[in-house]
C-alpha atoms as a PDB file:
ATOM      1  CA  MET A   1      79.216 142.095  66.163  1.00  0.00           C
ATOM      2  CA  SER A   2      81.131 139.362  68.007  1.00  0.00           C
ATOM      3  CA  THR A   3      84.270 139.971  69.992  1.00  0.00           C
ATOM      4  CA  TYR A   4      87.056 137.567  69.080  1.00  0.00           C
ATOM      5  CA  PHE A   5      89.849 136.187  71.217  1.00  0.00           C
ATOM      6  CA  THR A   6      93.118 134.526  70.298  1.00  0.00           C
ATOM      7  CA  ILE A   7      93.851 130.933  71.179  1.00  0.00           C
ATOM      8  CA  GLY A   8      96.293 132.187  73.824  1.00  0.00           C
ATOM      9  CA  GLU A   9      93.605 134.312  75.468  1.00  0.00           C
ATOM     10  CA  ILE A  10      91.129 131.412  75.448  1.00  0.00           C
ATOM     11  CA  SER A  11      93.822 129.214  76.985  1.00  0.00           C
ATOM     12  CA  LYS A  12      94.194 131.674  79.875  1.00  0.00           C
ATOM     13  CA  PHE A  13      90.449 132.317  80.288  1.00  0.00           C
ATOM     14  CA  PHE A  14      89.589 128.631  80.607  1.00  0.00           C
ATOM     15  CA  ASN A  15      92.874 127.153  81.862  1.00  0.00           C
ATOM     16  CA  ILE A  16      93.108 124.871  78.840  1.00  0.00           C
ATOM     17  CA  PRO A  17      96.519 124.256  77.233  1.00  0.00           C
ATOM     18  CA  ILE A  18      96.928 125.680  73.733  1.00  0.00           C
ATOM     19  CA  LYS A  19      97.963 122.212  72.562  1.00  0.00           C
ATOM     20  CA  THR A  20      94.620 120.846  73.801  1.00  0.00           C
ATOM     21  CA  LEU A  21      92.639 123.571  72.029  1.00  0.00           C
ATOM     22  CA  ARG A  22      94.455 122.757  68.798  1.00  0.00           C
ATOM     23  CA  TYR A  23      93.602 119.091  69.292  1.00  0.00           C
ATOM     24  CA  TYR A  24      89.934 119.966  69.838  1.00  0.00           C
ATOM     25  CA  ASP A  25      90.080 121.778  66.510  1.00  0.00           C
ATOM     26  CA  GLU A  26      91.644 118.749  64.774  1.00  0.00           C
ATOM     27  CA  ILE A  27      88.914 116.371  65.969  1.00  0.00           C
ATOM     28  CA  ASP A  28      86.122 118.864  65.208  1.00  0.00           C
ATOM     29  CA  LEU A  29      85.124 119.161  68.846  1.00  0.00           C
ATOM     30  CA  LEU A  30      85.762 122.895  69.077  1.00  0.00           C
ATOM     31  CA  LYS A  31      86.457 124.730  65.834  1.00  0.00           C
ATOM     32  CA  PRO A  32      87.592 128.371  65.983  1.00  0.00           C
ATOM     33  CA  ALA A  33      84.939 130.913  65.044  1.00  0.00           C
ATOM     34  CA  ARG A  34      87.276 132.103  62.331  1.00  0.00           C
ATOM     35  CA  VAL A  35      90.831 131.564  61.097  1.00  0.00           C
ATOM     36  CA  ASN A  36      93.046 134.248  59.571  1.00  0.00           C
ATOM     37  CA  LYS A  37      93.773 133.121  56.017  1.00  0.00           C
ATOM     38  CA  ASP A  38      97.192 134.747  55.968  1.00  0.00           C
ATOM     39  CA  ASN A  39      98.766 133.665  59.242  1.00  0.00           C
ATOM     40  CA  LYS A  40      96.356 130.796  60.156  1.00  0.00           C
ATOM     41  CA  TYR A  41      95.761 132.290  63.623  1.00  0.00           C
ATOM     42  CA  ARG A  42      92.695 130.895  65.353  1.00  0.00           C
ATOM     43  CA  TYR A  43      90.081 133.188  66.874  1.00  0.00           C
ATOM     44  CA  TYR A  44      87.211 132.282  69.163  1.00  0.00           C
ATOM     45  CA  SER A  45      84.032 134.237  69.832  1.00  0.00           C
ATOM     46  CA  VAL A  46      82.200 135.059  73.063  1.00  0.00           C
ATOM     47  CA  GLU A  47      79.334 132.882  71.856  1.00  0.00           C
ATOM     48  CA  GLN A  48      81.628 129.850  72.080  1.00  0.00           C
ATOM     49  CA  PHE A  49      82.313 130.346  75.782  1.00  0.00           C
ATOM     50  CA  ILE A  50      79.303 128.265  76.817  1.00  0.00           C
ATOM     51  CA  LYS A  51      80.433 125.423  74.559  1.00  0.00           C
ATOM     52  CA  ILE A  52      83.888 125.494  76.105  1.00  0.00           C
ATOM     53  CA  ASP A  53      82.326 125.435  79.583  1.00  0.00           C
ATOM     54  CA  LEU A  54      80.253 122.397  78.599  1.00  0.00           C
ATOM     55  CA  ILE A  55      83.298 120.579  77.233  1.00  0.00           C
ATOM     56  CA  LYS A  56      85.150 121.175  80.507  1.00  0.00           C
ATOM     57  CA  HIS A  57      82.099 120.167  82.524  1.00  0.00           C
ATOM     58  CA  PHE A  58      81.491 116.877  80.735  1.00  0.00           C
ATOM     59  CA  LYS A  59      85.198 116.080  80.565  1.00  0.00           C
ATOM     60  CA  ALA A  60      85.500 116.621  84.332  1.00  0.00           C
ATOM     61  CA  THR A  61      82.984 113.798  84.861  1.00  0.00           C
ATOM     62  CA  GLY A  62      85.321 111.444  83.023  1.00  0.00           C
ATOM     63  CA  MET A  63      83.336 111.268  79.793  1.00  0.00           C
ATOM     64  CA  SER A  64      85.406 110.521  76.697  1.00  0.00           C
ATOM     65  CA  LEU A  65      85.818 113.232  74.080  1.00  0.00           C
ATOM     66  CA  ASP A  66      83.823 111.111  71.631  1.00  0.00           C
ATOM     67  CA  VAL A  67      80.879 111.090  74.033  1.00  0.00           C
ATOM     68  CA  VAL A  68      81.225 114.825  74.673  1.00  0.00           C
ATOM     69  CA  LYS A  69      81.277 115.409  70.933  1.00  0.00           C
ATOM     70  CA  SER A  70      78.125 113.352  70.370  1.00  0.00           C
ATOM     71  CA  ILE A  71      76.294 115.263  73.107  1.00  0.00           C
ATOM     72  CA  LEU A  72      77.265 118.648  71.689  1.00  0.00           C
ATOM     73  CA  ASN A  73      76.387 117.555  68.158  1.00  0.00           C
ATOM     74  CA  SER A  74      72.914 116.613  69.378  1.00  0.00           C
ATOM     75  CA  ASP A  75      72.366 120.184  70.581  1.00  0.00           C
ATOM     76  CA  CYS A  76      72.708 118.826  74.130  1.00  0.00           C
ATOM     77  CA  SER A  77      69.572 116.699  73.863  1.00  0.00           C
ATOM     78  CA  ILE A  78      68.228 116.189  77.400  1.00  0.00           C
ATOM     79  CA  GLU A  79      67.639 112.506  76.693  1.00  0.00           C
ATOM     80  CA  LEU A  80      71.186 111.944  75.430  1.00  0.00           C
ATOM     81  CA  VAL A  81      72.730 113.950  78.256  1.00  0.00           C
ATOM     82  CA  LEU A  82      70.753 111.974  80.855  1.00  0.00           C
ATOM     83  CA  GLU A  83      71.646 108.667  79.228  1.00  0.00           C
ATOM     84  CA  ASN A  84      75.348 109.462  79.282  1.00  0.00           C
ATOM     85  CA  ILE A  85      75.195 110.803  82.838  1.00  0.00           C
ATOM     86  CA  LYS A  86      73.751 107.481  84.010  1.00  0.00           C
ATOM     87  CA  LEU A  87      76.285 105.529  81.977  1.00  0.00           C
ATOM     88  CA  GLN A  88      79.190 107.570  83.318  1.00  0.00           C
ATOM     89  CA  SER A  89      77.882 107.170  86.873  1.00  0.00           C
ATOM     90  CA  LYS A  90      77.949 103.378  86.466  1.00  0.00           C
ATOM     91  CA  LYS A  91      81.486 103.529  85.076  1.00  0.00           C
ATOM     92  CA  LEU A  92      82.614 105.624  88.028  1.00  0.00           C
ATOM     93  CA  GLU A  93      80.935 103.257  90.491  1.00  0.00           C
ATOM     94  CA  TYR A  94      82.858 100.367  88.948  1.00  0.00           C
ATOM     95  CA  LYS A  95      86.076 102.384  89.099  1.00  0.00           C
ATOM     96  CA  ILE A  96      85.472 103.319  92.736  1.00  0.00           C
ATOM     97  CA  ASN A  97      84.991  99.648  93.651  1.00  0.00           C
ATOM     98  CA  GLU A  98      88.115  98.744  91.710  1.00  0.00           C
ATOM     99  CA  LEU A  99      90.158 101.430  93.475  1.00  0.00           C
ATOM    100  CA  ALA A 100      88.728 100.333  96.832  1.00  0.00           C
ATOM    101  CA  ASN A 101      89.985  96.810  96.111  1.00  0.00           C
ATOM    102  CA  VAL A 102      93.414  98.163  95.201  1.00  0.00           C
ATOM    103  CA  LYS A 103      93.535 100.240  98.392  1.00  0.00           C
ATOM    104  CA  ASN A 104      92.460  97.251 100.466  1.00  0.00           C
ATOM    105  CA  TYR A 105      95.212  95.175  98.847  1.00  0.00           C
ATOM    106  CA  LEU A 106      97.830  97.846  99.551  1.00  0.00           C
ATOM    107  CA  ASP A 107      96.674  98.250 103.171  1.00  0.00           C
ATOM    108  CA  ASN A 108      96.836  94.487 103.691  1.00  0.00           C
ATOM    109  CA  LEU A 109     100.236  94.338 102.016  1.00  0.00           C
ATOM    110  CA  ASP A 110     101.518  97.114 104.265  1.00  0.00           C
ATOM    111  CA  LYS A 111     100.152  95.329 107.334  1.00  0.00           C
ATOM    112  CA  ASN A 112     101.459  91.954 106.210  1.00  0.00           C
ATOM    113  CA  ILE A 113     104.974  93.193 105.516  1.00  0.00           C
ATOM    114  CA  SER A 114     105.146  95.265 108.700  1.00  0.00           C
ATOM    115  CA  GLN A 115     103.930  92.435 110.926  1.00  0.00           C
ATOM    116  CA  ASN A 116     106.265  89.868 109.425  1.00  0.00           C
ATOM    117  CA  ILE A 117     109.564  91.693 109.011  1.00  0.00           C
ATOM    118  CA  GLU A 118     109.504  92.697 112.676  1.00  0.00           C
ATOM    119  CA  TYR A 119     110.645  89.134 113.392  1.00  0.00           C
ATOM    120  CA  GLY A 120     113.652  89.594 111.123  1.00  0.00           C
ATOM    121  CA  LEU A 121     114.742  87.922 107.928  1.00  0.00           C
ATOM    122  CA  ASP A 122     116.133  84.382 107.806  1.00  0.00           C
ATOM    123  CA  GLU A 123     115.171  83.928 111.445  1.00  0.00           C
ATOM    124  CA  ILE A 124     112.912  81.078 112.545  1.00  0.00           C
ATOM    125  CA  PHE A 125     110.078  82.062 114.840  1.00  0.00           C
ATOM    126  CA  ILE A 126     106.753  80.637 115.948  1.00  0.00           C
ATOM    127  CA  LYS A 127     103.729  82.787 115.193  1.00  0.00           C
ATOM    128  CA  TYR A 128     100.069  82.250 116.004  1.00  0.00           C
ATOM    129  CA  ASN A 129      97.705  82.699 113.077  1.00  0.00           C
ATOM    130  CA  ASP A 130      93.935  82.812 113.000  1.00  0.00           C
ATOM    131  CA  GLU A 131      92.067  80.792 110.397  1.00  0.00           C
ATOM    132  CA  ARG A 132      92.789  81.915 106.863  1.00  0.00           C
ATOM    133  CA  ILE A 133      90.480  81.386 103.911  1.00  0.00           C
ATOM    134  CA  TYR A 134      91.927  80.613 100.512  1.00  0.00           C
ATOM    135  CA  MET A 135      91.017  79.507  97.010  1.00  0.00           C
ATOM    136  CA  ASN A 136      92.787  76.296  96.082  1.00  0.00           C
ATOM    137  CA  TYR A 137      94.266  75.352  92.719  1.00  0.00           C
ATOM    138  CA  ASP A 138      95.331  71.705  92.524  1.00  0.00           C
ATOM    139  CA  VAL A 139      98.144  72.130  90.019  1.00  0.00           C
ATOM    140  CA  VAL A 140     101.327  70.145  90.606  1.00  0.00           C
ATOM    141  CA  SER A 141     104.641  71.752  89.645  1.00  0.00           C
ATOM    142  CA  THR A 142     107.860  69.758  89.870  1.00  0.00           C
ATOM    143  CA  ASN A 143     110.210  72.650  89.088  1.00  0.00           C
ATOM    144  CA  LEU A 144     110.299  76.443  89.002  1.00  0.00           C
ATOM    145  CA  GLU A 145     109.692  76.646  85.257  1.00  0.00           C
ATOM    146  CA  GLU A 146     106.484  74.653  85.624  1.00  0.00           C
ATOM    147  CA  LEU A 147     105.583  76.757  88.627  1.00  0.00           C
ATOM    148  CA  ASP A 148     105.927  80.018  86.681  1.00  0.00           C
ATOM    149  CA  ILE A 149     103.851  78.728  83.765  1.00  0.00           C
ATOM    150  CA  ASN A 150     101.139  77.252  85.982  1.00  0.00           C
ATOM    151  CA  LEU A 151     101.003  80.425  88.055  1.00  0.00           C
ATOM    152  CA  ARG A 152     100.158  82.437  84.909  1.00  0.00           C
ATOM    153  CA  ASP A 153      97.029  80.299  84.479  1.00  0.00           C
ATOM    154  CA  VAL A 154      96.035  80.869  88.100  1.00  0.00           C
ATOM    155  CA  ILE A 155      96.448  84.640  87.865  1.00  0.00           C
ATOM    156  CA  LEU A 156      94.515  84.753  84.575  1.00  0.00           C
ATOM    157  CA  ASP A 157      91.706  82.773  86.198  1.00  0.00           C
ATOM    158  CA  LEU A 158      91.598  85.197  89.112  1.00  0.00           C
ATOM    159  CA  GLU A 159      91.450  88.174  86.764  1.00  0.00           C
ATOM    160  CA  LYS A 160      88.961  86.610  84.350  1.00  0.00           C
ATOM    161  CA  ASN A 161      86.482  85.594  87.018  1.00  0.00           C
ATOM    162  CA  ASN A 162      87.046  88.573  89.327  1.00  0.00           C
ATOM    163  CA  LYS A 163      88.166  86.231  92.072  1.00  0.00           C
ATOM    164  CA  GLU A 164      89.909  88.868  94.149  1.00  0.00           C
ATOM    165  CA  ALA A 165      92.558  89.621  91.558  1.00  0.00           C
ATOM    166  CA  TYR A 166      94.603  91.484  94.180  1.00  0.00           C
ATOM    167  CA  SER A 167      94.679  88.558  96.605  1.00  0.00           C
ATOM    168  CA  GLN A 168      97.956  87.317  98.007  1.00  0.00           C
ATOM    169  CA  THR A 169      99.109  84.073  96.464  1.00  0.00           C
ATOM    170  CA  GLY A 170     101.318  81.216  97.503  1.00  0.00           C
ATOM    171  CA  ALA A 171     101.896  77.500  97.126  1.00  0.00           C
ATOM    172  CA  THR A 172     101.615  74.233  99.023  1.00  0.00           C
ATOM    173  CA  ILE A 173     104.901  72.327  99.338  1.00  0.00           C
ATOM    174  CA  SER A 174     104.932  68.645 100.235  1.00  0.00           C
ATOM    175  CA  TYR A 175     106.455  68.151 103.691  1.00  0.00           C
ATOM    176  CA  ASP A 176     107.032  64.401 103.227  1.00  0.00           C
ATOM    177  CA  ILE A 177     108.805  64.695  99.869  1.00  0.00           C
ATOM    178  CA  LEU A 178     110.987  67.532 101.123  1.00  0.00           C
ATOM    179  CA  LYS A 179     111.921  65.596 104.274  1.00  0.00           C
ATOM    180  CA  ASN A 180     112.424  62.190 102.674  1.00  0.00           C
ATOM    181  CA  GLU A 181     113.643  63.032  99.158  1.00  0.00           C
ATOM    182  CA  ASN A 182     115.248  66.427  99.777  1.00  0.00           C
ATOM    183  CA  LYS A 183     113.395  68.104  96.925  1.00  0.00           C
ATOM    184  CA  ILE A 184     110.589  70.582  96.557  1.00  0.00           C
ATOM    185  CA  LEU A 185     107.261  69.550  95.064  1.00  0.00           C
ATOM    186  CA  TYR A 186     104.659  72.251  94.593  1.00  0.00           C
ATOM    187  CA  LYS A 187     101.344  70.499  95.215  1.00  0.00           C
ATOM    188  CA  GLY A 188      99.148  73.457  94.304  1.00  0.00           C
ATOM    189  CA  PHE A 189      98.450  77.150  94.590  1.00  0.00           C
ATOM    190  CA  LYS A 190      96.658  79.199  97.228  1.00  0.00           C
ATOM    191  CA  ALA A 191      94.991  82.577  96.666  1.00  0.00           C
ATOM    192  CA  PHE A 192      94.080  84.065 100.031  1.00  0.00           C
ATOM    193  CA  CYS A 193      90.692  85.776 100.048  1.00  0.00           C
ATOM    194  CA  ASN A 194      87.838  87.119 102.169  1.00  0.00           C
ATOM    195  CA  ASP A 195      85.099  84.878 100.766  1.00  0.00           C
ATOM    196  CA  GLU A 196      83.514  83.262 103.815  1.00  0.00           C
ATOM    197  CA  ASN A 197      81.727  80.760 101.571  1.00  0.00           C
ATOM    198  CA  ASN A 198      85.037  79.293 100.488  1.00  0.00           C
ATOM    199  CA  VAL A 199      85.580  75.840 101.952  1.00  0.00           C
ATOM    200  CA  ASN A 200      89.393  75.977 101.991  1.00  0.00           C
ATOM    201  CA  ILE A 201      90.687  77.039 105.391  1.00  0.00           C
ATOM    202  CA  LEU A 202      94.150  77.066 106.890  1.00  0.00           C
ATOM    203  CA  PRO A 203      93.598  76.118 110.534  1.00  0.00           C
ATOM    204  CA  LYS A 204      94.448  78.481 113.326  1.00  0.00           C
ATOM    205  CA  GLY A 205      97.429  77.691 115.487  1.00  0.00           C
ATOM    206  CA  ASP A 206     101.145  78.165 115.997  1.00  0.00           C
ATOM    207  CA  TYR A 207     103.155  78.119 112.786  1.00  0.00           C
ATOM    208  CA  ILE A 208     106.886  77.578 112.560  1.00  0.00           C
ATOM    209  CA  THR A 209     107.826  80.428 110.270  1.00  0.00           C
ATOM    210  CA  LEU A 210     110.763  81.821 108.338  1.00  0.00           C
ATOM    211  CA  ILE A 211     110.815  84.858 106.050  1.00  0.00           C
ATOM    212  CA  PHE A 212     113.540  85.337 103.502  1.00  0.00           C
ATOM    213  CA  GLU A 213     114.417  87.783 100.786  1.00  0.00           C
ATOM    214  CA  GLY A 214     115.654  86.309  97.541  1.00  0.00           C
ATOM    215  CA  SER A 215     114.864  83.917  94.715  1.00  0.00           C
ATOM    216  CA  LEU A 216     112.752  80.770  94.945  1.00  0.00           C
ATOM    217  CA  ILE A 217     115.774  78.986  93.480  1.00  0.00           C
ATOM    218  CA  ASP A 218     117.416  79.316  96.891  1.00  0.00           C
ATOM    219  CA  SER A 219     114.321  78.386  98.882  1.00  0.00           C
ATOM    220  CA  VAL A 220     115.425  74.792  99.447  1.00  0.00           C
ATOM    221  CA  ASN A 221     118.138  76.033 101.824  1.00  0.00           C
ATOM    222  CA  HIS A 222     115.532  77.856 103.898  1.00  0.00           C
ATOM    223  CA  TYR A 223     113.314  74.767 104.010  1.00  0.00           C
ATOM    224  CA  LYS A 224     116.270  72.708 105.245  1.00  0.00           C
ATOM    225  CA  LYS A 225     116.818  75.274 107.969  1.00  0.00           C
ATOM    226  CA  ILE A 226     113.254  74.789 109.185  1.00  0.00           C
ATOM    227  CA  LEU A 227     113.539  70.991 108.970  1.00  0.00           C
ATOM    228  CA  ASP A 228     116.698  71.127 111.096  1.00  0.00           C
ATOM    229  CA  PHE A 229     114.909  73.369 113.607  1.00  0.00           C
ATOM    230  CA  ILE A 230     112.002  70.924 113.822  1.00  0.00           C
ATOM    231  CA  GLU A 231     114.311  67.964 114.360  1.00  0.00           C
ATOM    232  CA  GLU A 232     116.591  69.689 116.874  1.00  0.00           C
ATOM    233  CA  ASN A 233     113.656  70.795 119.013  1.00  0.00           C
ATOM    234  CA  ASN A 234     111.672  67.540 118.684  1.00  0.00           C
ATOM    235  CA  ILE A 235     108.669  69.404 117.300  1.00  0.00           C
ATOM    236  CA  GLU A 236     105.716  67.597 115.740  1.00  0.00           C
ATOM    237  CA  VAL A 237     104.116  69.271 112.754  1.00  0.00           C
ATOM    238  CA  GLN A 238     101.020  68.599 110.693  1.00  0.00           C
ATOM    239  CA  GLY A 239     100.134  69.135 107.074  1.00  0.00           C
ATOM    240  CA  ASP A 240     102.361  70.589 104.419  1.00  0.00           C
ATOM    241  CA  PHE A 241     104.410  73.740 104.101  1.00  0.00           C
ATOM    242  CA  ASN A 242     102.745  76.969 103.066  1.00  0.00           C
ATOM    243  CA  GLU A 243     104.893  79.185 100.892  1.00  0.00           C
ATOM    244  CA  VAL A 244     103.407  82.684 100.837  1.00  0.00           C
ATOM    245  CA  TRP A 245     104.686  85.208  98.309  1.00  0.00           C
ATOM    246  CA  ILE A 246     104.477  88.410 100.310  1.00  0.00           C
ATOM    247  CA  MET A 247     105.878  90.745  97.679  1.00  0.00           C
ATOM    248  CA  PRO A 248     107.814  90.269  94.423  1.00  0.00           C
ATOM    249  CA  LYS A 249     111.000  92.364  94.165  1.00  0.00           C
ATOM    250  CA  ILE A 250     114.160  92.651  92.112  1.00  0.00           C
ATOM    251  CA  ASP A 251     117.534  94.151  92.940  1.00  0.00           C
ATOM    252  CA  GLU A 252     119.595  96.670  90.976  1.00  0.00           C
ATOM    253  CA  ASN A 253     120.911  93.834  88.786  1.00  0.00           C
ATOM    254  CA  LEU A 254     117.344  92.774  87.909  1.00  0.00           C
ATOM    255  CA  LYS A 255     117.713  89.571  89.906  1.00  0.00           C
ATOM    256  CA  GLU A 256     114.782  88.317  91.931  1.00  0.00           C
ATOM    257  CA  LYS A 257     114.790  89.459  95.536  1.00  0.00           C
ATOM    258  CA  SER A 258     111.226  88.663  96.541  1.00  0.00           C
ATOM    259  CA  LEU A 259     109.908  88.615 100.088  1.00  0.00           C
ATOM    260  CA  VAL A 260     108.742  85.060 100.818  1.00  0.00           C
ATOM    261  CA  LYS A 261     107.288  83.420 103.909  1.00  0.00           C
ATOM    262  CA  ILE A 262     107.567  79.718 104.674  1.00  0.00           C
ATOM    263  CA  GLU A 263     105.446  78.211 107.434  1.00  0.00           C
ATOM    264  CA  ILE A 264     104.148  74.903 108.750  1.00  0.00           C
ATOM    265  CA  LEU A 265     101.623  74.208 111.488  1.00  0.00           C
ATOM    266  CA  LYS A 266     102.893  72.962 114.816  1.00  0.00           C
ATOM    267  CA  LYS A 267     100.910  70.181 116.518  1.00  0.00           C
END
């Protein structure tokens, strides 16, 4: 004759919340051995212990409850168990790679922020940079609304084609138009990456740099500050401005307060 245990006792024995055991009952994953007709109390038998252990075991590997249910309903067929073990292993490998990419992004973000803010905000400084590889998107944006819309397409492309979705992005701003027409023209987007086969390279050298915290709406004032610095110090520059979006942020009033770097290569 079987010994029966209440749902509360099973919860304690196996460290499974009562709510979860009730859910297992609802989806026919783990039905009680018997139910009291009068008070509807659920009772489980000793013979069910192994099934509960298997549910916990398979669930711990990350298998979905539907998969666990199919395995148990097949009387734990060796072939089906092995098939799902291999499938789950592949899923975990993908997840591990994905998490590694996220960690790498966070480490780089930490390093990037730490190295840059040490120079101070809204202060012009000259910083040497090694070569940087980037993916280029030749999309012209004449205003911030166009920029936001075009940027969505770039991010979707990065995500769709697995092109380092966690890469840091930025834009190319025309130096000549800013200097001569006093307006900002976004000539394209940059997505910085580690792909050595990519042909787009920012050259190494000394970059006149300024980092500010705020909205891109106010960026023209920061560009003017750099232009004044270049003129006052008789500095020759080459190429266009790089605008690197270090980290998006908002303040307590939900207004943009992003961390942005502006730089241009010194001859």
